[in-house]
Amino acid sequence: MTILVAYDGSADARAAIEFAAKHLTAEPTVIVTVWEPLLVQLKKFPLAVSSIDTSTEDEAHAQAEHHAKEGAELAIASGLTDVTYRAVADHDSIWKTIVDVADEIDASLIVTGSRGLAGVRSVLLGSVSNHVLHHAHRPTLIVPPAKKA
């Protein structure tokens, strides 16, 4: 069984890794961070072309690599043992890239955090975890945000 964990550096993604380590048996685990290349951003937001700095492309990729490595380190610190990581460029949508990587590695389970958006905010912003859940043809575990104390 291979576990794919989507990780973007957020507190919710950290919670997903910690939950997986606590509740799942140690299996090969792949931490994936999906980053959006400049050309994808231009396609999605053509009116923002003048405000996008092309020199940040390498920086965005480096940041994605950093997040993926950070997620792998967190997974190991949380008790998972056979952990690898990848930063993958998004050429369509983040949720689709996560599903595609899961298919590529034949993941037995996809684990992702949820930003906990509800109502109008979730409709306006969309939900990566919701799309992964509805488009992945494999079990998917969505870890909700931690309760506020």
N, C-alpha and C. Protein backbone atom coordinates (compact mmCIF):
# COMPACT_ATOMS: atom_id res chain seq x y z
N MET A 1 0.84 -1.17 0.00
CA MET A 1 0.00 0.00 0.00
C MET A 1 0.89 1.24 0.00
N THR A 2 0.63 2.18 -0.90
CA THR A 2 1.35 3.45 -0.94
C THR A 2 0.37 4.56 -0.62
N ILE A 3 0.79 5.44 0.27
CA ILE A 3 -0.04 6.57 0.67
C ILE A 3 0.50 7.82 -0.02
N LEU A 4 -0.38 8.59 -0.63
CA LEU A 4 -0.02 9.88 -1.21
C LEU A 4 -0.60 10.97 -0.31
N VAL A 5 0.25 11.86 0.17
CA VAL A 5 -0.22 12.96 1.01
C VAL A 5 0.05 14.26 0.28
N ALA A 6 -1.01 15.04 0.05
CA ALA A 6 -0.88 16.35 -0.57
C ALA A 6 -0.47 17.34 0.51
N TYR A 7 0.59 18.11 0.25
CA TYR A 7 1.12 19.01 1.26
C TYR A 7 1.45 20.36 0.65
N ASP A 8 0.90 21.43 1.24
CA ASP A 8 1.17 22.77 0.72
C ASP A 8 1.80 23.69 1.75
N GLY A 9 2.20 23.14 2.88
CA GLY A 9 2.83 23.95 3.91
C GLY A 9 1.86 24.56 4.90
N SER A 10 0.57 24.40 4.67
CA SER A 10 -0.44 25.00 5.56
C SER A 10 -0.60 24.16 6.84
N ALA A 11 -1.22 24.78 7.83
CA ALA A 11 -1.51 24.07 9.08
C ALA A 11 -2.42 22.87 8.84
N ASP A 12 -3.35 22.99 7.90
CA ASP A 12 -4.26 21.88 7.59
C ASP A 12 -3.51 20.72 6.95
N ALA A 13 -2.54 21.03 6.10
CA ALA A 13 -1.74 19.98 5.47
C ALA A 13 -0.86 19.29 6.51
N ARG A 14 -0.33 20.06 7.45
CA ARG A 14 0.46 19.49 8.55
C ARG A 14 -0.41 18.52 9.36
N ALA A 15 -1.64 18.95 9.64
CA ALA A 15 -2.56 18.10 10.41
C ALA A 15 -2.84 16.80 9.67
N ALA A 16 -2.93 16.87 8.34
CA ALA A 16 -3.19 15.66 7.54
C ALA A 16 -2.03 14.67 7.67
N ILE A 17 -0.80 15.18 7.60
CA ILE A 17 0.36 14.30 7.76
C ILE A 17 0.39 13.68 9.15
N GLU A 18 0.18 14.51 10.16
CA GLU A 18 0.21 14.01 11.54
C GLU A 18 -0.89 12.97 11.78
N PHE A 19 -2.07 13.20 11.22
CA PHE A 19 -3.17 12.25 11.37
C PHE A 19 -2.81 10.92 10.69
N ALA A 20 -2.28 11.02 9.47
CA ALA A 20 -1.90 9.80 8.74
C ALA A 20 -0.86 9.01 9.52
N ALA A 21 0.13 9.68 10.06
CA ALA A 21 1.17 8.98 10.81
C ALA A 21 0.63 8.33 12.08
N LYS A 22 -0.34 8.99 12.70
CA LYS A 22 -0.89 8.48 13.95
C LYS A 22 -1.85 7.31 13.73
N HIS A 23 -2.61 7.34 12.63
CA HIS A 23 -3.71 6.39 12.47
C HIS A 23 -3.52 5.33 11.39
N LEU A 24 -2.51 5.49 10.56
CA LEU A 24 -2.28 4.51 9.50
C LEU A 24 -1.00 3.75 9.78
N THR A 25 -0.96 2.49 9.38
CA THR A 25 0.27 1.74 9.57
C THR A 25 1.35 2.31 8.65
N ALA A 26 2.56 2.18 9.08
CA ALA A 26 3.68 2.71 8.30
C ALA A 26 3.76 2.00 6.95
N GLU A 27 3.56 2.73 5.92
CA GLU A 27 3.59 2.23 4.55
C GLU A 27 4.45 3.19 3.74
N PRO A 28 4.87 2.77 2.55
CA PRO A 28 5.55 3.76 1.71
C PRO A 28 4.63 4.97 1.52
N THR A 29 5.20 6.14 1.72
CA THR A 29 4.43 7.38 1.67
C THR A 29 5.12 8.36 0.72
N VAL A 30 4.33 8.99 -0.15
CA VAL A 30 4.85 10.01 -1.05
C VAL A 30 4.18 11.33 -0.68
N ILE A 31 4.98 12.32 -0.34
CA ILE A 31 4.48 13.66 -0.06
C ILE A 31 4.57 14.43 -1.37
N VAL A 32 3.47 15.02 -1.81
CA VAL A 32 3.48 15.77 -3.08
C VAL A 32 3.02 17.20 -2.83
N THR A 33 3.79 18.12 -3.37
CA THR A 33 3.43 19.53 -3.37
C THR A 33 3.23 19.93 -4.83
N VAL A 34 2.09 20.49 -5.13
CA VAL A 34 1.79 20.92 -6.50
C VAL A 34 1.98 22.42 -6.57
N TRP A 35 2.75 22.86 -7.56
CA TRP A 35 2.97 24.29 -7.74
C TRP A 35 2.49 24.70 -9.12
N GLU A 36 2.10 25.95 -9.22
CA GLU A 36 1.50 26.48 -10.44
C GLU A 36 2.52 27.29 -11.24
N PRO A 37 2.98 26.76 -12.37
CA PRO A 37 3.93 27.53 -13.20
C PRO A 37 3.30 28.81 -13.73
N LEU A 38 4.13 29.75 -14.09
CA LEU A 38 3.70 31.05 -14.57
C LEU A 38 2.72 30.93 -15.74
N LEU A 39 2.98 30.04 -16.69
CA LEU A 39 2.10 29.92 -17.85
C LEU A 39 0.70 29.48 -17.47
N VAL A 40 0.59 28.66 -16.44
CA VAL A 40 -0.73 28.24 -15.97
C VAL A 40 -1.44 29.43 -15.33
N GLN A 41 -0.71 30.21 -14.55
CA GLN A 41 -1.29 31.40 -13.93
C GLN A 41 -1.77 32.38 -15.00
N LEU A 42 -0.98 32.55 -16.05
CA LEU A 42 -1.37 33.46 -17.13
C LEU A 42 -2.63 32.99 -17.83
N LYS A 43 -2.75 31.67 -18.00
CA LYS A 43 -3.94 31.11 -18.64
C LYS A 43 -5.18 31.33 -17.78
N LYS A 44 -5.02 31.21 -16.45
CA LYS A 44 -6.16 31.35 -15.55
C LYS A 44 -6.53 32.82 -15.30
N PHE A 45 -5.52 33.67 -15.31
CA PHE A 45 -5.74 35.08 -14.96
C PHE A 45 -5.10 35.99 -16.00
N PRO A 46 -5.61 36.01 -17.23
CA PRO A 46 -4.96 36.77 -18.30
C PRO A 46 -4.91 38.28 -18.03
N LEU A 47 -5.82 38.82 -17.26
CA LEU A 47 -5.80 40.25 -16.97
C LEU A 47 -4.68 40.64 -16.01
N ALA A 48 -4.10 39.66 -15.35
CA ALA A 48 -3.04 39.94 -14.38
C ALA A 48 -1.65 39.87 -15.00
N VAL A 49 -1.56 39.72 -16.31
CA VAL A 49 -0.28 39.56 -16.99
C VAL A 49 0.71 40.66 -16.61
N SER A 50 0.25 41.89 -16.55
CA SER A 50 1.17 42.99 -16.26
C SER A 50 1.72 42.96 -14.85
N SER A 51 1.04 42.28 -13.93
CA SER A 51 1.50 42.27 -12.54
C SER A 51 2.33 41.05 -12.18
N ILE A 52 2.53 40.12 -13.12
CA ILE A 52 3.27 38.90 -12.81
C ILE A 52 4.74 39.09 -13.18
N ASP A 53 5.60 38.80 -12.23
CA ASP A 53 7.04 38.93 -12.41
C ASP A 53 7.59 37.57 -12.86
N THR A 54 8.08 37.51 -14.09
CA THR A 54 8.55 36.23 -14.64
C THR A 54 9.79 35.70 -13.92
N SER A 55 10.51 36.53 -13.19
CA SER A 55 11.70 36.05 -12.48
C SER A 55 11.34 35.18 -11.28
N THR A 56 10.06 35.14 -10.91
CA THR A 56 9.67 34.37 -9.74
C THR A 56 9.39 32.90 -10.06
N GLU A 57 9.46 32.51 -11.33
CA GLU A 57 9.17 31.12 -11.71
C GLU A 57 10.09 30.13 -11.00
N ASP A 58 11.40 30.37 -11.05
CA ASP A 58 12.35 29.48 -10.38
C ASP A 58 12.15 29.53 -8.87
N GLU A 59 11.82 30.69 -8.36
CA GLU A 59 11.57 30.85 -6.93
C GLU A 59 10.34 30.03 -6.51
N ALA A 60 9.30 30.03 -7.34
CA ALA A 60 8.08 29.26 -7.03
C ALA A 60 8.39 27.77 -7.01
N HIS A 61 9.18 27.30 -7.96
CA HIS A 61 9.55 25.89 -8.00
C HIS A 61 10.39 25.53 -6.77
N ALA A 62 11.34 26.40 -6.42
CA ALA A 62 12.17 26.16 -5.24
C ALA A 62 11.32 26.12 -3.97
N GLN A 63 10.34 27.00 -3.89
CA GLN A 63 9.44 27.02 -2.73
C GLN A 63 8.64 25.72 -2.65
N ALA A 64 8.17 25.24 -3.80
CA ALA A 64 7.43 23.97 -3.83
C ALA A 64 8.32 22.82 -3.37
N GLU A 65 9.56 22.79 -3.84
CA GLU A 65 10.50 21.75 -3.41
C GLU A 65 10.71 21.84 -1.89
N HIS A 66 10.84 23.06 -1.39
CA HIS A 66 11.03 23.26 0.05
C HIS A 66 9.82 22.72 0.82
N HIS A 67 8.61 23.04 0.36
CA HIS A 67 7.41 22.54 1.04
C HIS A 67 7.34 21.02 1.00
N ALA A 68 7.65 20.43 -0.14
CA ALA A 68 7.60 18.97 -0.25
C ALA A 68 8.60 18.32 0.71
N LYS A 69 9.81 18.86 0.75
CA LYS A 69 10.84 18.32 1.66
C LYS A 69 10.41 18.51 3.12
N GLU A 70 9.85 19.68 3.43
CA GLU A 70 9.35 19.95 4.78
C GLU A 70 8.27 18.94 5.17
N GLY A 71 7.37 18.65 4.23
CA GLY A 71 6.31 17.67 4.48
C GLY A 71 6.88 16.29 4.74
N ALA A 72 7.91 15.91 3.98
CA ALA A 72 8.54 14.60 4.18
C ALA A 72 9.21 14.53 5.55
N GLU A 73 9.88 15.60 5.93
CA GLU A 73 10.53 15.64 7.25
C GLU A 73 9.50 15.55 8.37
N LEU A 74 8.37 16.23 8.20
CA LEU A 74 7.29 16.16 9.18
C LEU A 74 6.74 14.74 9.26
N ALA A 75 6.56 14.10 8.11
CA ALA A 75 6.05 12.73 8.08
C ALA A 75 6.98 11.78 8.83
N ILE A 76 8.27 11.93 8.61
CA ILE A 76 9.25 11.08 9.29
C ILE A 76 9.23 11.37 10.79
N ALA A 77 9.21 12.65 11.16
CA ALA A 77 9.17 13.03 12.58
C ALA A 77 7.89 12.53 13.25
N SER A 78 6.82 12.37 12.47
CA SER A 78 5.53 11.92 13.01
C SER A 78 5.44 10.40 13.10
N GLY A 79 6.43 9.69 12.54
CA GLY A 79 6.45 8.24 12.69
C GLY A 79 6.38 7.43 11.41
N LEU A 80 6.18 8.08 10.26
CA LEU A 80 6.21 7.34 9.00
C LEU A 80 7.68 7.10 8.64
N THR A 81 7.97 5.97 8.02
CA THR A 81 9.38 5.62 7.83
C THR A 81 9.83 5.63 6.37
N ASP A 82 9.07 5.10 5.48
CA ASP A 82 9.46 5.00 4.07
C ASP A 82 8.84 6.17 3.31
N VAL A 83 9.48 7.34 3.40
CA VAL A 83 8.89 8.58 2.89
C VAL A 83 9.75 9.17 1.78
N THR A 84 9.09 9.52 0.68
CA THR A 84 9.74 10.27 -0.39
C THR A 84 8.89 11.51 -0.64
N TYR A 85 9.44 12.44 -1.43
CA TYR A 85 8.67 13.65 -1.72
C TYR A 85 8.90 14.10 -3.16
N ARG A 86 7.93 14.86 -3.64
CA ARG A 86 7.98 15.38 -5.01
C ARG A 86 7.30 16.75 -5.05
N ALA A 87 7.86 17.63 -5.86
CA ALA A 87 7.19 18.88 -6.20
C ALA A 87 6.79 18.73 -7.66
N VAL A 88 5.53 18.88 -7.95
CA VAL A 88 5.01 18.63 -9.28
C VAL A 88 4.36 19.89 -9.83
N ALA A 89 4.69 20.23 -11.07
CA ALA A 89 4.09 21.41 -11.70
C ALA A 89 2.66 21.09 -12.11
N ASP A 90 1.78 22.03 -11.83
CA ASP A 90 0.38 21.92 -12.20
C ASP A 90 0.20 22.49 -13.60
N HIS A 91 -0.32 21.67 -14.51
CA HIS A 91 -0.56 22.15 -15.88
C HIS A 91 -2.04 22.29 -16.20
N ASP A 92 -2.88 21.95 -15.25
CA ASP A 92 -4.32 22.02 -15.47
C ASP A 92 -5.01 22.58 -14.23
N SER A 93 -4.99 21.81 -13.17
CA SER A 93 -5.54 22.25 -11.88
C SER A 93 -4.83 21.45 -10.79
N ILE A 94 -4.75 22.03 -9.62
CA ILE A 94 -4.04 21.38 -8.52
C ILE A 94 -4.68 20.05 -8.17
N TRP A 95 -6.00 20.01 -8.05
CA TRP A 95 -6.66 18.76 -7.69
C TRP A 95 -6.41 17.68 -8.74
N LYS A 96 -6.44 18.04 -10.01
CA LYS A 96 -6.22 17.05 -11.07
C LYS A 96 -4.79 16.52 -11.03
N THR A 97 -3.85 17.40 -10.72
CA THR A 97 -2.46 16.96 -10.62
C THR A 97 -2.29 15.98 -9.48
N ILE A 98 -2.94 16.24 -8.35
CA ILE A 98 -2.88 15.29 -7.22
C ILE A 98 -3.47 13.94 -7.63
N VAL A 99 -4.61 13.96 -8.28
CA VAL A 99 -5.24 12.71 -8.74
C VAL A 99 -4.34 12.00 -9.75
N ASP A 100 -3.73 12.75 -10.67
CA ASP A 100 -2.84 12.15 -11.68
C ASP A 100 -1.62 11.50 -11.04
N VAL A 101 -1.03 12.16 -10.04
CA VAL A 101 0.13 11.58 -9.35
C VAL A 101 -0.30 10.32 -8.60
N ALA A 102 -1.46 10.35 -7.97
CA ALA A 102 -1.97 9.16 -7.28
C ALA A 102 -2.13 8.00 -8.26
N ASP A 103 -2.66 8.31 -9.45
CA ASP A 103 -2.80 7.27 -10.47
C ASP A 103 -1.43 6.76 -10.93
N GLU A 104 -0.50 7.69 -11.13
CA GLU A 104 0.85 7.33 -11.60
C GLU A 104 1.55 6.37 -10.64
N ILE A 105 1.43 6.64 -9.34
CA ILE A 105 2.12 5.78 -8.37
C ILE A 105 1.22 4.67 -7.85
N ASP A 106 0.01 4.60 -8.36
CA ASP A 106 -0.99 3.63 -7.93
C ASP A 106 -1.17 3.66 -6.41
N ALA A 107 -1.40 4.87 -5.90
CA ALA A 107 -1.58 5.05 -4.46
C ALA A 107 -2.80 4.29 -3.97
N SER A 108 -2.68 3.67 -2.83
CA SER A 108 -3.81 2.97 -2.22
C SER A 108 -4.73 3.95 -1.51
N LEU A 109 -4.18 5.11 -1.14
CA LEU A 109 -4.93 6.10 -0.38
C LEU A 109 -4.36 7.48 -0.66
N ILE A 110 -5.24 8.46 -0.82
CA ILE A 110 -4.84 9.86 -0.91
C ILE A 110 -5.24 10.52 0.40
N VAL A 111 -4.32 11.27 1.01
CA VAL A 111 -4.61 12.00 2.23
C VAL A 111 -4.39 13.48 1.95
N THR A 112 -5.37 14.29 2.32
CA THR A 112 -5.25 15.73 2.14
C THR A 112 -5.95 16.44 3.29
N GLY A 113 -5.49 17.63 3.56
CA GLY A 113 -6.16 18.45 4.56
C GLY A 113 -7.31 19.20 3.92
N SER A 114 -8.11 19.79 4.76
CA SER A 114 -9.23 20.60 4.29
C SER A 114 -9.09 21.98 4.92
N ARG A 115 -9.29 22.97 4.15
CA ARG A 115 -9.21 24.32 4.69
C ARG A 115 -10.44 24.65 5.52
N GLY A 116 -11.45 23.80 5.49
CA GLY A 116 -12.62 24.03 6.30
C GLY A 116 -13.51 25.15 5.79
N LEU A 117 -13.44 25.43 4.50
CA LEU A 117 -14.29 26.47 3.94
C LEU A 117 -15.72 25.97 3.86
N ALA A 118 -16.66 26.85 4.10
CA ALA A 118 -18.06 26.45 4.05
C ALA A 118 -18.88 27.51 3.33
N GLY A 119 -20.04 27.10 2.89
CA GLY A 119 -20.99 28.03 2.29
C GLY A 119 -20.45 28.72 1.06
N VAL A 120 -20.70 30.02 0.98
CA VAL A 120 -20.34 30.80 -0.20
C VAL A 120 -18.84 30.79 -0.44
N ARG A 121 -18.03 30.84 0.63
CA ARG A 121 -16.58 30.86 0.46
C ARG A 121 -16.10 29.63 -0.30
N SER A 122 -16.65 28.46 0.00
CA SER A 122 -16.19 27.26 -0.69
C SER A 122 -16.61 27.26 -2.16
N VAL A 123 -17.75 27.84 -2.45
CA VAL A 123 -18.20 27.92 -3.84
C VAL A 123 -17.31 28.89 -4.62
N LEU A 124 -17.01 30.04 -4.02
CA LEU A 124 -16.21 31.04 -4.70
C LEU A 124 -14.75 30.60 -4.87
N LEU A 125 -14.19 29.99 -3.84
CA LEU A 125 -12.79 29.64 -3.86
C LEU A 125 -12.53 28.24 -4.42
N GLY A 126 -13.54 27.41 -4.43
CA GLY A 126 -13.34 26.03 -4.85
C GLY A 126 -12.69 25.25 -3.74
N SER A 127 -12.58 23.97 -3.90
CA SER A 127 -11.99 23.14 -2.86
C SER A 127 -11.18 22.03 -3.50
N VAL A 128 -9.87 22.11 -3.31
CA VAL A 128 -9.00 21.07 -3.85
C VAL A 128 -9.39 19.72 -3.27
N SER A 129 -9.56 19.66 -1.95
CA SER A 129 -9.89 18.36 -1.34
C SER A 129 -11.23 17.83 -1.84
N ASN A 130 -12.21 18.70 -2.03
CA ASN A 130 -13.50 18.27 -2.54
C ASN A 130 -13.38 17.70 -3.95
N HIS A 131 -12.62 18.36 -4.80
CA HIS A 131 -12.43 17.86 -6.16
C HIS A 131 -11.65 16.55 -6.18
N VAL A 132 -10.63 16.45 -5.33
CA VAL A 132 -9.88 15.18 -5.25
C VAL A 132 -10.84 14.07 -4.85
N LEU A 133 -11.64 14.31 -3.81
CA LEU A 133 -12.59 13.31 -3.33
C LEU A 133 -13.52 12.83 -4.43
N HIS A 134 -14.02 13.76 -5.24
CA HIS A 134 -15.01 13.40 -6.26
C HIS A 134 -14.42 12.91 -7.57
N HIS A 135 -13.14 13.08 -7.78
CA HIS A 135 -12.55 12.66 -9.06
C HIS A 135 -11.53 11.54 -8.94
N ALA A 136 -11.04 11.27 -7.75
CA ALA A 136 -10.09 10.18 -7.58
C ALA A 136 -10.86 8.87 -7.58
N HIS A 137 -10.30 7.89 -8.20
CA HIS A 137 -10.93 6.56 -8.25
C HIS A 137 -10.21 5.64 -7.27
N ARG A 138 -10.02 6.18 -6.07
CA ARG A 138 -9.34 5.43 -5.01
C ARG A 138 -9.75 6.05 -3.68
N PRO A 139 -9.56 5.34 -2.60
CA PRO A 139 -9.93 5.91 -1.30
C PRO A 139 -9.22 7.23 -1.04
N THR A 140 -9.95 8.15 -0.44
CA THR A 140 -9.42 9.47 -0.14
C THR A 140 -9.81 9.84 1.29
N LEU A 141 -8.82 10.28 2.05
CA LEU A 141 -9.04 10.70 3.43
C LEU A 141 -8.82 12.21 3.50
N ILE A 142 -9.86 12.93 3.90
CA ILE A 142 -9.76 14.38 4.06
C ILE A 142 -9.77 14.68 5.55
N VAL A 143 -8.68 15.25 6.03
CA VAL A 143 -8.53 15.54 7.45
C VAL A 143 -9.00 16.99 7.69
N PRO A 144 -10.04 17.16 8.54
CA PRO A 144 -10.56 18.50 8.79
C PRO A 144 -9.59 19.33 9.63
N PRO A 145 -9.80 20.65 9.65
CA PRO A 145 -8.96 21.50 10.48
C PRO A 145 -9.10 21.13 11.95
N ALA A 146 -8.04 21.39 12.72
CA ALA A 146 -8.10 21.13 14.15
C ALA A 146 -9.12 22.08 14.79
N LYS A 147 -9.79 21.59 15.83
CA LYS A 147 -10.75 22.43 16.54
C LYS A 147 -10.01 23.55 17.24
N LYS A 148 -10.60 24.72 17.21
CA LYS A 148 -10.03 25.86 17.93
C LYS A 148 -10.26 25.66 19.42
N ALA A 149 -9.25 25.91 20.20
CA ALA A 149 -9.35 25.70 21.67
C ALA A 149 -10.11 26.83 22.33
